[in-house]
Amino acid sequence: MNNPSRLTRPSSLRGDSGYTLFEIMLVLGIIAVLVGSAIYMLSGNIDVAKEQRVQSDIQAISMQLRTYEMLNYRKPTTQQGLKALVQMPSSDPKPQHWKKLMESVPLDPWGNEYVYINPGKFKTDGFDLYSFGPKGVEGDGNIGK
């Protein structure tokens, strides 16, 4: 039953199993090129996503400012700032019915604080709330004015 010639003959597949270093490096190179091109093509979408986040942050903060106004009959002053939503202001006018409305004031996607001005320079009938944008300075790149 057992064929002795079959047992003694070396396997022809033994030397060909596995991948060579060249084949592995070639595959990794192709993957790196594909990932790099995908990141390059998506880089514009990241900027759009950051601007959308600024708009949603501004809406959320504005809603909390309106709630603050309903509770205290006025919005925080520019000096009190957005921190009045997190901790009770110590400067006048002190709120009569203060409540903590946010856990923390969010930073914009570029790591800067949002600008809050009351009464507003741009919206004279309300308040200004905006981000300096990617440049981080007052000017044309501001978002939310």
N, C-alpha and C. Protein backbone atom coordinates (compact mmCIF):
# COMPACT_ATOMS: atom_id res chain seq x y z
N MET A 1 0.81 -1.19 0.00
CA MET A 1 0.00 0.00 0.00
C MET A 1 0.85 1.25 0.00
N ASN A 2 1.78 1.31 0.88
CA ASN A 2 2.67 2.46 0.87
C ASN A 2 3.69 2.30 -0.24
N ASN A 3 3.83 3.29 -1.01
CA ASN A 3 4.79 3.28 -2.10
C ASN A 3 6.09 3.87 -1.57
N PRO A 4 7.17 3.07 -1.46
CA PRO A 4 8.41 3.56 -0.88
C PRO A 4 9.03 4.67 -1.71
N SER A 5 8.83 4.68 -2.98
CA SER A 5 9.44 5.73 -3.80
C SER A 5 8.76 7.08 -3.54
N ARG A 6 7.53 7.01 -3.15
CA ARG A 6 6.79 8.23 -2.86
C ARG A 6 7.27 8.86 -1.55
N LEU A 7 7.62 8.07 -0.58
CA LEU A 7 8.05 8.58 0.71
C LEU A 7 9.45 9.17 0.66
N THR A 8 10.28 8.68 -0.17
CA THR A 8 11.66 9.14 -0.22
C THR A 8 11.86 10.31 -1.17
N ARG A 9 10.94 10.53 -2.04
CA ARG A 9 11.08 11.62 -3.00
C ARG A 9 10.81 12.96 -2.32
N PRO A 10 11.69 13.97 -2.46
CA PRO A 10 11.44 15.28 -1.84
C PRO A 10 10.28 16.00 -2.53
N SER A 11 9.56 16.77 -1.76
CA SER A 11 8.41 17.50 -2.29
C SER A 11 8.90 18.63 -3.19
N SER A 12 8.27 18.79 -4.31
CA SER A 12 8.67 19.85 -5.25
C SER A 12 8.11 21.20 -4.81
N LEU A 13 7.12 21.23 -3.91
CA LEU A 13 6.53 22.48 -3.44
C LEU A 13 7.28 23.07 -2.26
N ARG A 14 8.15 22.32 -1.67
CA ARG A 14 8.81 22.73 -0.43
C ARG A 14 9.59 24.02 -0.58
N GLY A 15 10.28 24.23 -1.63
CA GLY A 15 11.07 25.43 -1.82
C GLY A 15 10.27 26.62 -2.30
N ASP A 16 9.05 26.44 -2.79
CA ASP A 16 8.26 27.52 -3.37
C ASP A 16 7.21 28.09 -2.43
N SER A 17 7.09 27.60 -1.22
CA SER A 17 6.04 28.11 -0.33
C SER A 17 6.48 29.44 0.28
N GLY A 18 5.50 30.39 0.44
CA GLY A 18 5.77 31.69 1.03
C GLY A 18 6.01 32.75 -0.03
N TYR A 19 6.19 34.00 0.43
CA TYR A 19 6.40 35.13 -0.46
C TYR A 19 7.82 35.63 -0.29
N THR A 20 8.36 36.18 -1.35
CA THR A 20 9.70 36.75 -1.27
C THR A 20 9.60 38.15 -0.68
N LEU A 21 10.73 38.66 -0.23
CA LEU A 21 10.77 40.01 0.33
C LEU A 21 10.36 41.03 -0.73
N PHE A 22 10.76 40.81 -1.94
CA PHE A 22 10.40 41.71 -3.03
C PHE A 22 8.89 41.78 -3.23
N GLU A 23 8.22 40.66 -3.20
CA GLU A 23 6.76 40.63 -3.38
C GLU A 23 6.05 41.35 -2.24
N ILE A 24 6.53 41.15 -1.04
CA ILE A 24 5.92 41.82 0.12
C ILE A 24 6.12 43.33 0.01
N MET A 25 7.33 43.77 -0.35
CA MET A 25 7.62 45.20 -0.47
C MET A 25 6.80 45.82 -1.61
N LEU A 26 6.61 45.08 -2.68
CA LEU A 26 5.81 45.58 -3.79
C LEU A 26 4.36 45.81 -3.36
N VAL A 27 3.78 44.87 -2.65
CA VAL A 27 2.41 45.00 -2.16
C VAL A 27 2.29 46.17 -1.19
N LEU A 28 3.24 46.31 -0.26
CA LEU A 28 3.22 47.43 0.69
C LEU A 28 3.36 48.77 -0.03
N GLY A 29 4.17 48.82 -1.07
CA GLY A 29 4.32 50.04 -1.85
C GLY A 29 3.03 50.43 -2.54
N ILE A 30 2.34 49.45 -3.11
CA ILE A 30 1.06 49.72 -3.78
C ILE A 30 0.03 50.22 -2.77
N ILE A 31 -0.03 49.60 -1.60
CA ILE A 31 -0.97 50.03 -0.55
C ILE A 31 -0.65 51.46 -0.12
N ALA A 32 0.63 51.78 0.05
CA ALA A 32 1.02 53.14 0.46
C ALA A 32 0.60 54.17 -0.57
N VAL A 33 0.76 53.86 -1.85
CA VAL A 33 0.35 54.79 -2.91
C VAL A 33 -1.17 54.98 -2.88
N LEU A 34 -1.93 53.93 -2.71
CA LEU A 34 -3.39 54.04 -2.67
C LEU A 34 -3.86 54.85 -1.47
N VAL A 35 -3.27 54.59 -0.30
CA VAL A 35 -3.66 55.34 0.90
C VAL A 35 -3.28 56.81 0.76
N GLY A 36 -2.10 57.07 0.25
CA GLY A 36 -1.67 58.46 0.05
C GLY A 36 -2.57 59.22 -0.90
N SER A 37 -2.97 58.59 -1.99
CA SER A 37 -3.85 59.28 -2.94
C SER A 37 -5.24 59.47 -2.34
N ALA A 38 -5.71 58.54 -1.54
CA ALA A 38 -7.03 58.70 -0.89
C ALA A 38 -7.00 59.86 0.09
N ILE A 39 -5.93 59.96 0.85
CA ILE A 39 -5.82 61.08 1.81
C ILE A 39 -5.77 62.40 1.06
N TYR A 40 -5.02 62.46 -0.03
CA TYR A 40 -4.93 63.68 -0.81
C TYR A 40 -6.30 64.08 -1.36
N MET A 41 -7.06 63.11 -1.84
CA MET A 41 -8.36 63.41 -2.43
C MET A 41 -9.39 63.81 -1.37
N LEU A 42 -9.23 63.33 -0.14
CA LEU A 42 -10.19 63.65 0.92
C LEU A 42 -9.81 64.90 1.71
N SER A 43 -8.65 65.49 1.46
CA SER A 43 -8.21 66.62 2.26
C SER A 43 -9.16 67.80 2.16
N GLY A 44 -9.79 68.04 1.02
CA GLY A 44 -10.77 69.11 0.90
C GLY A 44 -12.01 68.85 1.74
N ASN A 45 -12.38 67.60 1.90
CA ASN A 45 -13.55 67.25 2.71
C ASN A 45 -13.32 67.54 4.18
N ILE A 46 -12.09 67.46 4.63
CA ILE A 46 -11.79 67.74 6.04
C ILE A 46 -12.08 69.20 6.35
N ASP A 47 -11.71 70.10 5.43
CA ASP A 47 -11.98 71.52 5.64
C ASP A 47 -13.47 71.80 5.69
N VAL A 48 -14.22 71.16 4.81
CA VAL A 48 -15.68 71.32 4.80
C VAL A 48 -16.27 70.81 6.11
N ALA A 49 -15.78 69.67 6.58
CA ALA A 49 -16.28 69.10 7.84
C ALA A 49 -16.00 70.02 9.01
N LYS A 50 -14.84 70.65 9.02
CA LYS A 50 -14.52 71.58 10.11
C LYS A 50 -15.44 72.78 10.10
N GLU A 51 -15.72 73.31 8.91
CA GLU A 51 -16.64 74.44 8.81
C GLU A 51 -18.05 74.05 9.25
N GLN A 52 -18.48 72.84 8.92
CA GLN A 52 -19.79 72.37 9.35
C GLN A 52 -19.84 72.23 10.87
N ARG A 53 -18.73 71.77 11.46
CA ARG A 53 -18.68 71.64 12.92
C ARG A 53 -18.79 73.01 13.58
N VAL A 54 -18.15 74.03 12.99
CA VAL A 54 -18.26 75.38 13.53
C VAL A 54 -19.71 75.82 13.52
N GLN A 55 -20.40 75.59 12.41
CA GLN A 55 -21.81 75.99 12.32
C GLN A 55 -22.67 75.28 13.36
N SER A 56 -22.44 73.98 13.57
CA SER A 56 -23.25 73.27 14.57
C SER A 56 -22.88 73.71 15.99
N ASP A 57 -21.60 73.98 16.25
CA ASP A 57 -21.22 74.50 17.57
C ASP A 57 -21.88 75.84 17.83
N ILE A 58 -21.89 76.70 16.84
CA ILE A 58 -22.49 78.03 17.00
C ILE A 58 -23.98 77.90 17.28
N GLN A 59 -24.66 77.00 16.61
CA GLN A 59 -26.09 76.79 16.87
C GLN A 59 -26.31 76.28 18.29
N ALA A 60 -25.49 75.33 18.74
CA ALA A 60 -25.65 74.78 20.09
C ALA A 60 -25.37 75.84 21.15
N ILE A 61 -24.31 76.61 20.97
CA ILE A 61 -23.97 77.65 21.95
C ILE A 61 -25.05 78.73 21.94
N SER A 62 -25.54 79.10 20.76
CA SER A 62 -26.59 80.13 20.66
C SER A 62 -27.85 79.69 21.40
N MET A 63 -28.19 78.42 21.30
CA MET A 63 -29.37 77.91 22.00
C MET A 63 -29.16 78.03 23.53
N GLN A 64 -27.96 77.72 23.99
CA GLN A 64 -27.69 77.82 25.43
C GLN A 64 -27.68 79.29 25.87
N LEU A 65 -27.22 80.19 25.00
CA LEU A 65 -27.27 81.62 25.33
C LEU A 65 -28.71 82.10 25.44
N ARG A 66 -29.59 81.61 24.57
CA ARG A 66 -31.01 81.98 24.67
C ARG A 66 -31.63 81.43 25.95
N THR A 67 -31.24 80.22 26.33
CA THR A 67 -31.73 79.64 27.59
C THR A 67 -31.24 80.47 28.77
N TYR A 68 -29.98 80.87 28.75
CA TYR A 68 -29.42 81.74 29.79
C TYR A 68 -30.22 83.03 29.88
N GLU A 69 -30.56 83.60 28.71
CA GLU A 69 -31.33 84.84 28.68
C GLU A 69 -32.74 84.64 29.25
N MET A 70 -33.37 83.51 28.95
CA MET A 70 -34.70 83.25 29.50
C MET A 70 -34.66 83.12 31.02
N LEU A 71 -33.61 82.50 31.54
CA LEU A 71 -33.50 82.32 32.99
C LEU A 71 -33.14 83.60 33.72
N ASN A 72 -32.30 84.44 33.11
CA ASN A 72 -31.73 85.60 33.80
C ASN A 72 -32.13 86.95 33.22
N TYR A 73 -33.00 86.95 32.22
CA TYR A 73 -33.54 88.16 31.59
C TYR A 73 -32.49 88.97 30.85
N ARG A 74 -31.32 88.43 30.61
CA ARG A 74 -30.27 89.07 29.83
C ARG A 74 -29.21 88.04 29.46
N LYS A 75 -28.51 88.32 28.39
CA LYS A 75 -27.41 87.44 27.99
C LYS A 75 -26.15 87.84 28.76
N PRO A 76 -25.16 86.97 28.81
CA PRO A 76 -23.91 87.35 29.46
C PRO A 76 -23.25 88.52 28.72
N THR A 77 -22.54 89.33 29.43
CA THR A 77 -21.81 90.43 28.79
C THR A 77 -20.60 89.86 28.04
N THR A 78 -19.99 90.71 27.23
CA THR A 78 -18.77 90.29 26.53
C THR A 78 -17.69 89.91 27.53
N GLN A 79 -17.60 90.68 28.62
CA GLN A 79 -16.59 90.41 29.64
C GLN A 79 -16.85 89.05 30.32
N GLN A 80 -18.10 88.74 30.60
CA GLN A 80 -18.43 87.45 31.21
C GLN A 80 -18.19 86.31 30.23
N GLY A 81 -18.47 86.57 28.97
CA GLY A 81 -18.19 85.62 27.90
C GLY A 81 -18.99 84.34 27.98
N LEU A 82 -18.54 83.37 27.19
CA LEU A 82 -19.22 82.08 27.12
C LEU A 82 -18.99 81.25 28.37
N LYS A 83 -18.02 81.62 29.18
CA LYS A 83 -17.77 80.90 30.43
C LYS A 83 -18.96 81.02 31.39
N ALA A 84 -19.82 82.02 31.15
CA ALA A 84 -21.01 82.18 31.98
C ALA A 84 -21.97 81.01 31.83
N LEU A 85 -21.80 80.24 30.76
CA LEU A 85 -22.64 79.06 30.56
C LEU A 85 -22.12 77.87 31.38
N VAL A 86 -20.88 77.96 31.84
CA VAL A 86 -20.23 76.87 32.55
C VAL A 86 -20.11 77.15 34.05
N GLN A 87 -19.75 78.37 34.39
CA GLN A 87 -19.63 78.75 35.80
C GLN A 87 -20.27 80.12 36.03
N MET A 88 -20.78 80.32 37.23
CA MET A 88 -21.49 81.55 37.54
C MET A 88 -20.55 82.75 37.46
N PRO A 89 -20.95 83.77 36.71
CA PRO A 89 -20.10 84.95 36.58
C PRO A 89 -19.95 85.67 37.93
N SER A 90 -18.75 86.20 38.15
CA SER A 90 -18.52 86.95 39.39
C SER A 90 -18.63 88.45 39.16
N SER A 91 -18.69 88.87 37.89
CA SER A 91 -18.79 90.30 37.60
C SER A 91 -20.25 90.68 37.37
N ASP A 92 -20.52 91.97 37.51
CA ASP A 92 -21.87 92.49 37.29
C ASP A 92 -22.17 92.57 35.81
N PRO A 93 -23.40 92.40 35.41
CA PRO A 93 -24.58 92.06 36.20
C PRO A 93 -24.60 90.56 36.51
N LYS A 94 -24.72 90.25 37.79
CA LYS A 94 -24.75 88.86 38.22
C LYS A 94 -26.13 88.27 37.91
N PRO A 95 -26.15 87.05 37.41
CA PRO A 95 -27.43 86.42 37.07
C PRO A 95 -28.21 86.03 38.33
N GLN A 96 -29.52 86.19 38.27
CA GLN A 96 -30.36 85.88 39.44
C GLN A 96 -30.70 84.40 39.52
N HIS A 97 -30.85 83.74 38.39
CA HIS A 97 -31.27 82.33 38.37
C HIS A 97 -30.28 81.51 37.55
N TRP A 98 -29.02 81.61 37.90
CA TRP A 98 -27.98 80.95 37.11
C TRP A 98 -28.06 79.43 37.24
N LYS A 99 -27.87 78.74 36.13
CA LYS A 99 -27.74 77.29 36.09
C LYS A 99 -26.61 76.94 35.14
N LYS A 100 -25.91 75.87 35.43
CA LYS A 100 -24.86 75.40 34.54
C LYS A 100 -25.51 74.81 33.30
N LEU A 101 -25.26 75.42 32.14
CA LEU A 101 -25.92 75.01 30.91
C LEU A 101 -25.03 74.17 30.00
N MET A 102 -23.72 74.19 30.25
CA MET A 102 -22.79 73.39 29.45
C MET A 102 -21.71 72.83 30.37
N GLU A 103 -21.18 71.66 30.01
CA GLU A 103 -20.08 71.08 30.78
C GLU A 103 -18.80 71.87 30.57
N SER A 104 -18.57 72.28 29.34
CA SER A 104 -17.42 73.11 29.00
C SER A 104 -17.73 73.83 27.70
N VAL A 105 -17.06 74.95 27.50
CA VAL A 105 -17.24 75.70 26.27
C VAL A 105 -16.36 75.04 25.21
N PRO A 106 -16.94 74.61 24.09
CA PRO A 106 -16.12 73.94 23.07
C PRO A 106 -15.15 74.89 22.40
N LEU A 107 -14.04 74.34 21.94
CA LEU A 107 -13.10 75.09 21.11
C LEU A 107 -13.45 74.81 19.66
N ASP A 108 -13.08 75.73 18.78
CA ASP A 108 -13.33 75.47 17.36
C ASP A 108 -12.40 74.36 16.87
N PRO A 109 -12.62 73.83 15.68
CA PRO A 109 -11.81 72.70 15.20
C PRO A 109 -10.31 72.98 15.09
N TRP A 110 -9.93 74.25 15.13
CA TRP A 110 -8.52 74.62 15.04
C TRP A 110 -7.92 74.89 16.42
N GLY A 111 -8.70 74.62 17.47
CA GLY A 111 -8.20 74.75 18.84
C GLY A 111 -8.30 76.13 19.45
N ASN A 112 -9.06 77.03 18.83
CA ASN A 112 -9.23 78.39 19.34
C ASN A 112 -10.59 78.55 20.00
N GLU A 113 -10.69 79.53 20.89
CA GLU A 113 -11.98 79.82 21.52
C GLU A 113 -12.88 80.55 20.53
N TYR A 114 -14.18 80.34 20.68
CA TYR A 114 -15.14 81.09 19.87
C TYR A 114 -15.20 82.52 20.39
N VAL A 115 -15.44 83.46 19.47
CA VAL A 115 -15.52 84.87 19.83
C VAL A 115 -16.99 85.19 20.13
N TYR A 116 -17.21 85.79 21.30
CA TYR A 116 -18.56 86.18 21.71
C TYR A 116 -18.53 87.66 22.06
N ILE A 117 -19.39 88.44 21.41
CA ILE A 117 -19.48 89.88 21.67
C ILE A 117 -20.95 90.23 21.85
N ASN A 118 -21.26 90.87 22.98
CA ASN A 118 -22.63 91.30 23.29
C ASN A 118 -22.58 92.71 23.87
N PRO A 119 -23.21 93.68 23.23
CA PRO A 119 -23.97 93.63 21.99
C PRO A 119 -23.03 93.46 20.80
N GLY A 120 -23.56 92.91 19.73
CA GLY A 120 -22.74 92.57 18.58
C GLY A 120 -22.32 93.76 17.74
N LYS A 121 -21.17 93.63 17.11
CA LYS A 121 -20.71 94.64 16.15
C LYS A 121 -21.38 94.40 14.80
N PHE A 122 -21.56 93.13 14.46
CA PHE A 122 -22.13 92.78 13.15
C PHE A 122 -23.64 92.61 13.24
N LYS A 123 -24.12 92.07 14.34
CA LYS A 123 -25.55 91.90 14.58
C LYS A 123 -25.92 92.85 15.72
N THR A 124 -26.27 94.06 15.39
CA THR A 124 -26.49 95.08 16.41
C THR A 124 -27.72 94.79 17.27
N ASP A 125 -28.64 93.97 16.78
CA ASP A 125 -29.83 93.65 17.57
C ASP A 125 -29.62 92.40 18.43
N GLY A 126 -28.45 91.83 18.43
CA GLY A 126 -28.19 90.62 19.20
C GLY A 126 -26.73 90.52 19.60
N PHE A 127 -26.17 89.36 19.43
CA PHE A 127 -24.78 89.11 19.80
C PHE A 127 -24.04 88.51 18.62
N ASP A 128 -22.73 88.68 18.62
CA ASP A 128 -21.88 88.06 17.62
C ASP A 128 -21.26 86.81 18.22
N LEU A 129 -21.25 85.76 17.46
CA LEU A 129 -20.62 84.50 17.88
C LEU A 129 -20.00 83.89 16.64
N TYR A 130 -18.66 83.78 16.64
CA TYR A 130 -17.99 83.26 15.46
C TYR A 130 -16.63 82.68 15.81
N SER A 131 -16.06 82.01 14.82
CA SER A 131 -14.72 81.43 14.93
C SER A 131 -13.78 82.23 14.05
N PHE A 132 -12.53 82.35 14.47
CA PHE A 132 -11.54 83.02 13.63
C PHE A 132 -11.18 82.17 12.41
N GLY A 133 -11.57 80.91 12.39
CA GLY A 133 -11.29 80.04 11.25
C GLY A 133 -9.88 79.47 11.29
N PRO A 134 -9.44 78.91 10.18
CA PRO A 134 -8.15 78.23 10.16
C PRO A 134 -6.96 79.17 10.38
N LYS A 135 -7.10 80.45 10.03
CA LYS A 135 -5.99 81.39 10.21
C LYS A 135 -5.82 81.78 11.67
N GLY A 136 -6.90 81.74 12.45
CA GLY A 136 -6.82 82.06 13.87
C GLY A 136 -6.74 83.55 14.18
N VAL A 137 -7.05 84.40 13.20
CA VAL A 137 -7.00 85.85 13.41
C VAL A 137 -8.26 86.49 12.82
N GLU A 138 -8.57 87.68 13.31
CA GLU A 138 -9.71 88.44 12.81
C GLU A 138 -9.48 88.76 11.34
N GLY A 139 -10.51 88.55 10.53
CA GLY A 139 -10.37 88.86 9.11
C GLY A 139 -11.36 88.11 8.24
N ASP A 140 -10.96 87.94 6.98
CA ASP A 140 -11.85 87.33 5.99
C ASP A 140 -12.14 85.86 6.24
N GLY A 141 -11.26 85.14 6.93
CA GLY A 141 -11.45 83.71 7.14
C GLY A 141 -12.35 83.36 8.31
N ASN A 142 -12.97 84.37 8.94
CA ASN A 142 -13.83 84.09 10.09
C ASN A 142 -15.09 83.38 9.64
N ILE A 143 -15.57 82.48 10.50
CA ILE A 143 -16.74 81.65 10.17
C ILE A 143 -17.83 81.91 11.20
N GLY A 144 -19.03 82.25 10.72
CA GLY A 144 -20.17 82.39 11.60
C GLY A 144 -20.65 83.80 11.82
N LYS A 145 -20.03 84.77 11.18
CA LYS A 145 -20.45 86.17 11.37
C LYS A 145 -21.80 86.39 10.76
